[in-house]
Protein backbone atom coordinates (compact mmCIF):
# COMPACT_ATOMS: atom_id res chain seq x y z
CA UNK A 1 0.01 0.03 0.09
CA UNK A 2 1.35 3.45 -0.80
CA UNK A 3 0.51 6.63 0.85
CA UNK A 4 0.17 9.30 -1.74
CA UNK A 5 0.62 13.04 -1.04
CA UNK A 6 -0.88 16.17 -2.92
CA UNK A 7 1.01 18.21 -5.41
CA UNK A 8 2.82 21.51 -4.61
CA UNK A 9 0.50 24.47 -4.30
CA UNK A 10 2.49 27.47 -2.84
CA UNK A 11 1.63 30.90 -4.02
CA UNK A 12 4.90 32.57 -3.06
CA UNK A 13 7.16 29.75 -1.97
CA UNK A 14 7.52 30.97 1.50
CA UNK A 15 5.27 28.58 3.36
CA UNK A 16 6.47 24.99 4.17
CA UNK A 17 4.31 22.02 5.20
CA UNK A 18 4.83 20.11 8.36
CA UNK A 19 6.42 22.93 10.31
CA UNK A 20 4.44 21.90 13.43
CA UNK A 21 5.81 18.49 13.30
CA UNK A 22 9.30 19.72 12.88
CA UNK A 23 9.12 22.04 15.93
CA UNK A 24 7.69 18.94 17.88
CA UNK A 25 10.41 16.66 16.94
CA UNK A 26 13.06 19.26 17.29
CA UNK A 27 12.09 19.94 20.84
CA UNK A 28 11.74 16.02 21.51
CA UNK A 29 15.40 15.61 20.25
CA UNK A 30 16.79 18.51 22.42
CA UNK A 31 15.21 17.08 25.49
CA UNK A 32 16.84 13.71 24.65
CA UNK A 33 20.10 15.62 23.98
CA UNK A 34 20.16 16.75 27.63
CA UNK A 35 19.62 13.28 28.88
CA UNK A 36 16.42 14.46 30.62
CA UNK A 37 14.07 11.42 30.61
CA UNK A 38 11.27 13.25 32.41
CA UNK A 39 11.12 15.97 29.81
CA UNK A 40 11.56 13.63 27.03
CA UNK A 41 8.41 11.23 27.96
CA UNK A 42 6.00 14.31 27.84
CA UNK A 43 6.01 13.96 24.02
CA UNK A 44 4.44 10.26 24.45
CA UNK A 45 0.97 8.97 25.18
CA UNK A 46 0.33 7.67 28.66
CA UNK A 47 -0.32 4.28 26.84
CA UNK A 48 2.86 4.30 24.63
CA UNK A 49 4.01 0.99 23.49
CA UNK A 50 7.57 0.80 22.58
CA UNK A 51 8.24 -2.47 20.49
CA UNK A 52 12.07 -1.91 19.69
CA UNK A 53 14.10 0.14 22.20
CA UNK A 54 17.86 -0.01 21.84
CA UNK A 55 20.66 1.45 24.23
CA UNK A 56 23.01 4.00 22.71
CA UNK A 57 25.89 1.59 22.73
CA UNK A 58 23.88 -1.03 20.56
CA UNK A 59 23.41 1.51 17.99
CA UNK A 60 27.17 1.11 17.13
CA UNK A 61 26.95 -2.52 16.53
CA UNK A 62 26.40 -4.46 13.30
CA UNK A 63 22.89 -3.70 12.21
CA UNK A 64 21.91 -7.63 12.41
CA UNK A 65 22.79 -7.96 15.87
CA UNK A 66 19.95 -8.58 18.41
CA UNK A 67 21.68 -7.88 21.61
CA UNK A 68 19.51 -6.47 24.49
CA UNK A 69 16.94 -4.82 22.55
CA UNK A 70 13.94 -4.39 24.80
CA UNK A 71 10.20 -3.38 24.75
CA UNK A 72 7.83 -1.81 27.24
CA UNK A 73 4.61 0.17 27.96
CA UNK A 74 3.87 3.45 29.57
CA UNK A 75 5.79 6.55 30.34
CA UNK A 76 7.17 5.37 33.59
CA UNK A 77 8.71 2.39 32.02
CA UNK A 78 10.13 4.64 29.06
CA UNK A 79 11.53 7.04 31.60
CA UNK A 80 13.24 4.31 33.43
CA UNK A 81 14.67 3.00 30.35
CA UNK A 82 16.02 6.39 29.02
CA UNK A 83 17.65 6.96 32.40
CA UNK A 84 19.38 3.63 32.29
CA UNK A 85 20.45 3.13 28.84
CA UNK A 86 20.90 6.38 27.14
CA UNK A 87 23.26 9.36 27.81
CA UNK A 88 23.47 13.18 27.31
CA UNK A 89 24.94 13.51 24.03
CA UNK A 90 24.62 15.57 20.73
CA UNK A 91 21.66 14.16 18.89
CA UNK A 92 20.62 15.82 15.63
CA UNK A 93 17.61 15.44 13.37
CA UNK A 94 18.62 14.43 9.89
CA UNK A 95 15.01 14.29 8.71
CA UNK A 96 11.49 14.36 9.73
CA UNK A 97 9.21 12.37 7.38
CA UNK A 98 5.26 12.25 7.61
CA UNK A 99 2.37 10.20 6.39
CA UNK A 100 -1.31 10.00 7.28
CA UNK A 101 -0.86 8.09 10.52
CA UNK A 102 2.80 8.21 11.41
CA UNK A 103 6.38 9.91 11.60
CA UNK A 104 9.77 8.69 10.57
CA UNK A 105 12.47 10.47 12.47
CA UNK A 106 15.98 10.09 11.35
CA UNK A 107 18.43 10.93 14.17
CA UNK A 108 22.11 11.35 14.08
CA UNK A 109 24.65 10.71 16.95
CA UNK A 110 27.90 12.24 15.83
CA UNK A 111 30.10 11.28 18.68
CA UNK A 112 28.99 7.75 18.24
CA UNK A 113 29.43 7.79 14.51
CA UNK A 114 26.00 6.30 13.87
CA UNK A 115 22.37 7.09 13.38
CA UNK A 116 18.89 5.57 13.80
CA UNK A 117 15.45 5.82 12.61
CA UNK A 118 12.47 6.20 14.79
CA UNK A 119 9.21 4.90 13.42
CA UNK A 120 6.25 6.60 15.37
CA UNK A 121 2.67 5.94 15.24
CA UNK A 122 0.96 9.10 16.46
CA UNK A 123 -2.17 9.35 18.85
CA UNK A 124 -4.00 12.61 19.81
CA UNK A 125 -1.05 14.83 19.09
CA UNK A 126 1.43 12.50 21.08
CA UNK A 127 3.70 9.52 20.19
CA UNK A 128 1.44 6.41 20.61
CA UNK A 129 4.07 3.88 19.59
CA UNK A 130 7.57 3.66 18.75
CA UNK A 131 9.98 1.29 17.06
CA UNK A 132 13.75 2.01 16.54
CA UNK A 133 15.56 0.80 13.44
CA UNK A 134 19.38 0.43 13.17
CA UNK A 135 21.50 1.98 10.50
CA UNK A 136 22.48 -0.56 7.88
CA UNK A 137 26.03 0.93 7.99
CA UNK A 138 26.56 0.85 11.71
CA UNK A 139 29.74 -1.16 12.49
CA UNK A 140 32.70 -1.05 14.72
CA UNK A 141 35.87 1.06 13.74
CA UNK A 142 37.78 -0.90 11.03
CA UNK A 143 34.76 -3.23 10.49
CA UNK A 144 32.72 -3.43 7.48
CA UNK A 145 28.91 -3.32 6.98
CA UNK A 146 27.31 -6.56 8.15
CA UNK A 147 27.48 -9.05 5.27
CA UNK A 148 24.61 -10.95 6.64
CA UNK A 149 22.44 -8.17 5.34
CA UNK A 150 23.74 -8.15 1.73
CA UNK A 151 20.46 -9.31 0.47
CA UNK A 152 18.85 -5.97 1.80
CA UNK A 153 21.25 -4.07 -0.68
CA UNK A 154 19.85 -6.34 -3.48
CA UNK A 155 16.29 -5.75 -2.52
CA UNK A 156 16.80 -1.84 -2.48
CA UNK A 157 18.85 -1.89 -5.54
CA UNK A 158 16.23 -3.54 -7.41
CA UNK A 159 13.37 -1.45 -6.02
CA UNK A 160 15.23 1.90 -6.74
CA UNK A 161 16.32 0.88 -10.15
CA UNK A 162 12.73 0.13 -11.11
CA UNK A 163 11.44 3.21 -9.77
CA UNK A 164 14.50 5.35 -11.20
CA UNK A 165 15.24 6.66 -7.51
CA UNK A 166 18.58 7.16 -5.86
CA UNK A 167 19.25 6.43 -2.06
CA UNK A 168 20.19 9.48 -0.15
CA UNK A 169 23.21 9.60 2.25
CA UNK A 170 23.27 10.36 5.80
CA UNK A 171 26.41 11.60 7.77
CA UNK A 172 27.27 10.57 11.19
CA UNK A 173 30.47 11.72 12.74
CA UNK A 174 33.32 10.36 10.53
CA UNK A 175 30.98 8.14 8.43
CA UNK A 176 29.00 8.93 5.34
CA UNK A 177 26.82 6.12 3.85
CA UNK A 178 23.32 5.48 2.34
CA UNK A 179 20.44 6.17 4.73
CA UNK A 180 19.27 2.43 5.04
CA UNK A 181 17.69 1.29 8.35
CA UNK A 182 16.62 -2.28 9.36
CA UNK A 183 14.92 -3.94 12.24
CA UNK A 184 17.73 -5.76 14.39
CA UNK A 185 16.49 -9.28 14.27
CA UNK A 186 17.82 -12.52 12.93
CA UNK A 187 15.00 -12.43 10.19
CA UNK A 188 14.91 -8.95 9.23
CA UNK A 189 11.33 -8.08 8.06
CA UNK A 190 11.32 -4.44 7.77
CA UNK A 191 13.76 -1.93 5.81
CA UNK A 192 13.50 1.58 5.49
CA UNK A 193 15.42 4.00 3.38
CA UNK A 194 15.52 7.55 2.19
CA UNK A 195 15.51 8.53 -1.50
CA UNK A 196 16.28 11.96 -3.10
CA UNK A 197 12.95 13.11 -4.69
CA UNK A 198 10.36 10.43 -5.01
CA UNK A 199 7.56 12.56 -5.85
CA UNK A 200 6.64 15.84 -8.00
CA UNK A 201 7.54 18.09 -5.18
CA UNK A 202 11.19 17.12 -5.19
CA UNK A 203 11.61 16.55 -1.44
CA UNK A 204 13.16 13.52 0.00
CA UNK A 205 10.86 10.63 0.72
CA UNK A 206 11.29 7.86 3.38
CA UNK A 207 10.31 4.48 1.95
CA UNK A 208 9.40 1.68 4.32
CA UNK A 209 9.09 -1.88 3.02
CA UNK A 210 7.71 -4.75 4.89
CA UNK A 211 9.34 -8.01 3.70
CA UNK A 212 8.57 -11.75 3.65
CA UNK A 213 11.98 -13.18 2.76
CA UNK A 214 13.06 -10.80 0.03
CA UNK A 215 9.37 -10.31 -1.27
CA UNK A 216 7.76 -6.76 -0.54
CA UNK A 217 4.48 -7.44 1.17
CA UNK A 218 3.73 -3.64 1.72
CA UNK A 219 5.11 -0.26 1.08
CA UNK A 220 4.65 3.05 2.72
CA UNK A 221 5.93 6.45 1.72
CA UNK A 222 6.38 9.46 3.96
CA UNK A 223 7.38 12.87 2.79
CA UNK A 224 9.91 15.06 4.43
CA UNK A 225 8.85 18.27 6.21
CA UNK A 226 9.90 21.63 4.96
CA UNK A 227 8.76 21.06 1.23
CA UNK A 228 7.58 24.34 -0.29
CA UNK A 229 3.94 25.28 0.02
CA UNK A 230 1.41 22.57 0.79
CA UNK A 231 3.47 19.69 -0.73
CA UNK A 232 2.27 16.63 0.93
CA UNK A 233 -0.24 18.26 3.14
CA UNK A 234 -3.52 16.34 3.39
CA UNK A 235 -6.65 18.12 4.81
CA UNK A 236 -6.87 17.24 8.39
CA UNK A 237 -3.44 15.77 8.80
CA UNK A 238 -2.53 14.80 12.47
CA UNK A 239 0.35 17.35 12.27
CA UNK A 240 -2.04 20.26 11.96
CA UNK A 241 -1.99 22.21 15.21
CA UNK A 242 0.50 19.76 16.76
CA UNK A 243 1.96 21.47 19.94
CA UNK A 244 4.83 20.84 22.09
CA UNK A 245 3.23 19.43 25.43
CA UNK A 246 4.03 20.96 28.75
CA UNK A 247 6.00 18.99 31.34
CA UNK A 248 3.99 16.23 32.95
CA UNK A 249 4.22 17.73 36.42
CA UNK A 250 2.40 20.91 35.03
CA UNK A 251 -0.40 18.92 33.25
CA UNK A 252 -3.57 19.19 35.25
CA UNK A 253 -5.72 16.08 34.58
CA UNK A 254 -8.76 16.85 36.82
CA UNK A 255 -9.67 17.17 40.44
CA UNK A 256 -11.06 14.85 43.19
CA UNK A 257 -13.51 15.80 46.02
CA UNK A 258 -12.00 15.78 49.39
CA UNK A 259 -15.21 16.63 51.27
CA UNK A 260 -16.46 19.83 52.83
CA UNK A 261 -16.23 21.61 49.69
CA UNK A 262 -12.63 20.72 49.15
CA UNK A 263 -11.02 19.39 46.19
CA UNK A 264 -7.44 17.96 45.35
CA UNK A 265 -5.83 18.88 41.92
CA UNK A 266 -4.51 16.00 40.07
CA UNK A 267 -1.53 16.36 37.87
CA UNK A 268 -0.50 13.85 35.12
CA UNK A 269 -3.48 11.56 35.90
CA UNK A 270 -5.29 8.98 33.74
CA UNK A 271 -8.62 7.34 34.54
CA UNK A 272 -6.76 4.43 36.30
CA UNK A 273 -4.71 6.53 38.68
CA UNK A 274 -7.65 8.74 39.25
CA UNK A 275 -9.52 5.76 40.52
CA UNK A 276 -6.66 4.89 42.76
CA UNK A 277 -6.83 8.30 44.43
CA UNK A 278 -10.49 8.01 44.83
CA UNK A 279 -10.32 4.51 46.26
CA UNK A 280 -7.59 5.76 48.80
CA UNK A 281 -9.53 8.56 50.06
CA UNK A 282 -12.63 6.49 50.53
CA UNK A 283 -10.70 3.97 52.58
CA UNK A 284 -9.65 6.81 55.12
CA UNK A 285 -13.37 7.77 55.40
CA UNK A 286 -14.42 4.03 55.80
CA UNK A 287 -11.92 4.02 58.74
CA UNK A 288 -13.49 6.98 60.40
CA UNK A 289 -10.52 9.03 59.58
CA UNK A 290 -10.60 12.51 57.96
CA UNK A 291 -9.22 12.49 54.51
CA UNK A 292 -5.41 13.82 54.23
CA UNK A 293 -5.51 17.53 53.66
CA UNK A 294 -4.01 17.63 50.12
CA UNK A 295 -3.75 20.38 47.65
CA UNK A 296 -2.38 18.30 44.81
CA UNK A 297 -1.50 14.82 43.89
CA UNK A 298 0.97 14.32 40.97
CA UNK A 299 1.54 10.91 39.37
CA UNK A 300 4.81 9.79 37.65
CA UNK A 301 7.04 9.95 35.76
CA UNK A 302 8.01 13.37 37.03
CA UNK A 303 11.54 14.86 38.35
CA UNK A 304 10.89 13.94 41.92
CA UNK A 305 10.96 10.29 40.81
CA UNK A 306 14.50 10.41 40.10
CA UNK A 307 15.07 10.04 43.89
CA UNK A 308 11.81 8.73 45.38
CA UNK A 309 9.16 6.33 44.80
CA UNK A 310 6.71 8.90 46.56
CA UNK A 311 7.02 12.07 48.52
CA UNK A 312 4.74 14.31 50.58
CA UNK A 313 5.63 18.12 50.77
CA UNK A 314 4.31 20.06 53.66
CA UNK A 315 3.40 23.50 53.03
CA UNK A 316 3.19 26.15 55.74
CA UNK A 317 0.46 28.14 54.18
CA UNK A 318 -1.62 25.51 52.75
CA UNK A 319 -2.39 21.77 52.16
CA UNK A 320 0.25 19.34 51.42
CA UNK A 321 1.31 18.01 48.12
CA UNK A 322 1.85 14.40 47.17
CA UNK A 323 3.91 12.90 44.44
CA UNK A 324 3.38 9.14 43.73
CA UNK A 325 5.61 7.58 41.06
CA UNK A 326 3.26 5.18 39.35
CA UNK A 327 1.29 5.22 36.22
CA UNK A 328 -1.78 3.23 35.09
CA UNK A 329 0.59 0.29 34.16
CA UNK A 330 1.72 0.02 37.79
CA UNK A 331 -2.03 0.28 39.04
CA UNK A 332 -4.51 -1.23 36.66
CA UNK A 333 -5.44 -5.07 36.05
CA UNK A 334 -5.42 -6.30 33.40
CA UNK A 335 -4.54 -3.31 31.42
CA UNK A 336 -4.88 0.68 31.65
CA UNK A 337 -7.57 0.35 28.81
CA UNK A 338 -9.64 -2.14 31.00
CA UNK A 339 -8.92 -1.18 34.59
CA UNK A 340 -11.22 -3.73 36.22
CA UNK A 341 -9.26 -3.91 39.44
CA UNK A 342 -6.46 -2.09 41.23
CA UNK A 343 -3.36 -4.10 42.17
CA UNK A 344 -2.77 -4.82 45.95
CA UNK A 345 0.79 -3.53 45.80
CA UNK A 346 -0.27 -0.21 44.26
CA UNK A 347 -3.25 0.15 46.64
CA UNK A 348 -1.01 -0.33 49.71
CA UNK A 349 2.00 1.89 48.50
CA UNK A 350 -0.51 4.55 47.74
CA UNK A 351 -2.17 4.32 51.11
CA UNK A 352 1.32 4.59 52.66
CA UNK A 353 1.75 7.99 50.87
CA UNK A 354 -1.65 9.22 51.94
CA UNK A 355 -0.89 8.19 55.47
CA UNK A 356 2.27 10.45 55.57
CA UNK A 357 -0.02 13.33 54.33
CA UNK A 358 -2.68 12.57 56.99
CA UNK A 359 -0.16 12.43 59.88
CA UNK A 360 0.89 15.95 59.05
CA UNK A 361 -2.38 17.31 60.66
CA UNK A 362 -3.28 14.40 62.94
CA UNK A 363 -0.12 13.26 64.64
CA UNK A 364 1.39 15.63 67.27
CA UNK A 365 4.82 15.41 68.93
CA UNK A 366 3.15 13.64 72.08
CA UNK A 367 1.64 10.83 69.82
CA UNK A 368 5.01 10.49 67.84
CA UNK A 369 6.76 9.88 71.11
CA UNK A 370 4.15 7.32 72.35
CA UNK A 371 4.51 5.42 69.06
CA UNK A 372 8.20 5.44 69.17
CA UNK A 373 8.13 4.01 72.60
CA UNK A 374 5.46 1.25 71.59
CA UNK A 375 7.78 0.22 68.67
CA UNK A 376 11.24 0.52 70.54
CA UNK A 377 12.25 3.17 67.83
CA UNK A 378 14.89 6.00 68.59
CA UNK A 379 13.88 8.65 65.98
CA UNK A 380 10.65 9.74 64.23
CA UNK A 381 12.71 10.66 60.93
CA UNK A 382 16.12 11.55 59.78
CA UNK A 383 18.17 10.89 56.58
CA UNK A 384 20.78 9.18 58.66
CA UNK A 385 18.28 6.75 60.06
CA UNK A 386 17.78 3.49 57.81
CA UNK A 387 14.12 3.58 56.48
CA UNK A 388 12.84 0.73 58.25
CA UNK A 389 13.92 2.27 61.70
CA UNK A 390 12.33 5.78 61.11
CA UNK A 391 9.15 6.21 63.24
CA UNK A 392 7.45 8.24 60.38
CA UNK A 393 7.82 5.32 57.90
CA UNK A 394 6.60 2.63 60.39
CA UNK A 395 3.72 4.72 61.26
CA UNK A 396 2.75 5.28 57.46
CA UNK A 397 2.87 1.46 57.18
CA UNK A 398 0.86 0.98 60.22
CA UNK A 399 -1.93 3.47 59.13
CA UNK A 400 -1.93 1.92 55.72
CA UNK A 401 -2.18 -1.47 57.11
CA UNK A 402 -5.04 -0.32 59.24
CA UNK A 403 -7.28 1.13 56.35
CA UNK A 404 -6.38 -1.43 53.80
CA UNK A 405 -9.12 -3.63 52.32
CA UNK A 406 -7.20 -6.73 52.32
CA UNK A 407 -4.45 -8.38 54.66
CA UNK A 408 -1.03 -7.49 53.90
CA UNK A 409 2.36 -8.49 55.59
CA UNK A 410 4.58 -5.64 56.67
CA UNK A 411 7.84 -7.23 55.74
CA UNK A 412 9.53 -3.96 55.20
CA UNK A 413 9.32 -3.16 59.07
CA UNK A 414 9.78 -6.74 60.25
CA UNK A 415 6.41 -8.32 60.01
CA UNK A 416 4.88 -7.13 63.31
CA UNK A 417 1.96 -9.34 64.68
CA UNK A 418 -1.59 -8.26 63.97
CA UNK A 419 -2.02 -7.38 67.70
CA UNK A 420 1.12 -5.18 67.74
CA UNK A 421 -0.15 -3.38 64.73
CA UNK A 422 -3.58 -2.98 66.25
CA UNK A 423 -2.02 -1.28 69.08
CA UNK A 424 0.32 0.89 67.23
CA UNK A 425 -2.65 1.96 64.85
CA UNK A 426 -4.80 2.99 67.94
CA UNK A 427 -1.88 4.94 69.42
CA UNK A 428 -1.72 6.99 66.08
CA UNK A 429 -5.49 7.27 65.17
CA UNK A 430 -7.36 6.49 68.62
CA UNK A 431 -9.51 4.02 66.68
CA UNK A 432 -9.28 0.33 65.92
CA UNK A 433 -8.34 -0.73 62.34
CA UNK A 434 -10.65 -2.01 59.85
CA UNK A 435 -9.81 -5.59 60.69
CA UNK A 436 -10.11 -7.90 63.68
CA UNK A 437 -7.09 -9.85 64.93
CA UNK A 438 -7.57 -13.38 65.44
CA UNK A 439 -7.27 -14.78 68.98
CA UNK A 440 -4.07 -16.64 69.76
């Protein structure tokens, strides 16, 4: 199947199509240059699916090598992958190519003497899925292009000769070779390459071929941005009005009722994590406790998640702010799209953070001292105190245990008995927990 584009139709030659997409991917590339995973993931859908992800180092390997290529779903997974496998380095866009449902982005890493092609399906103005193809001419210094892919050269040669096209070059550091990219698998089934011209507009074109052996089963063409006038522009194209998204920690996704006319603002939320917040607040109400006094709840991945899995910030002049470093992929069973239940681990960890917020207004110094004595602990908090020996953390675990809707072992604080927890919970809240301890 071939994606066709319209003819050039510029009046004065000063307008260029695809400028919105070019700005979007220029900004995306700049954030990746800086090695900032939390800024980079804002360009992706919360439900992003990455089918081929490759560490920087692997991009210098022979193109047919599989190595440790990984896949994953969701922005939290992607932020963690970026932080672990990529580095701050100069990445420049060598071309942005668009068709009616996708973008092909050719990126050059000069200091690694290599390049890569990102195939991106778009969804609601964000990257919905991503697949990274390796440069056919990636090879170690002193080596040669991988001979196992010589048959790919034959396919491209036959195709371009028949269509009277020539493959464009790409320069990456000290190397200049044809812009040919392949999926890194033993049985390569995708090849993409850039040709000079390819249509009446004269712009470069990205051609993507699906292969069964050396037989082409599907063809897609994408025109490079920057062509004059409305070359390639189709009415209602996804790129029309495409905007650079704000950082996730600044994206308001809604609000949730706290009670008494109060609301908590939610940042970077989705239906699944909004449901987690609503569930957690209801558990406090069911236990006879006032909901935590919160001004905002922010879900990950955001910069605070570089050091913590969750954090509560006390504000002198207002309600506290809570950051919880999960997304719907951590929370929902079976999937974010069909979130029929909330995972037990996600429920408990969120109650733990809510407990920290609740204690700010409901646990005074005297209560802290009585809790420390009951648990034989020396300090309420302190960075120099191991996590499991901090009174504040044991107290948050205890409150979360008491309002949880299922039994859960508190291995992180030494698995105290149910009766020990009941006494500790009553010390903190003045109430009995939402469970009955079995008689010995």
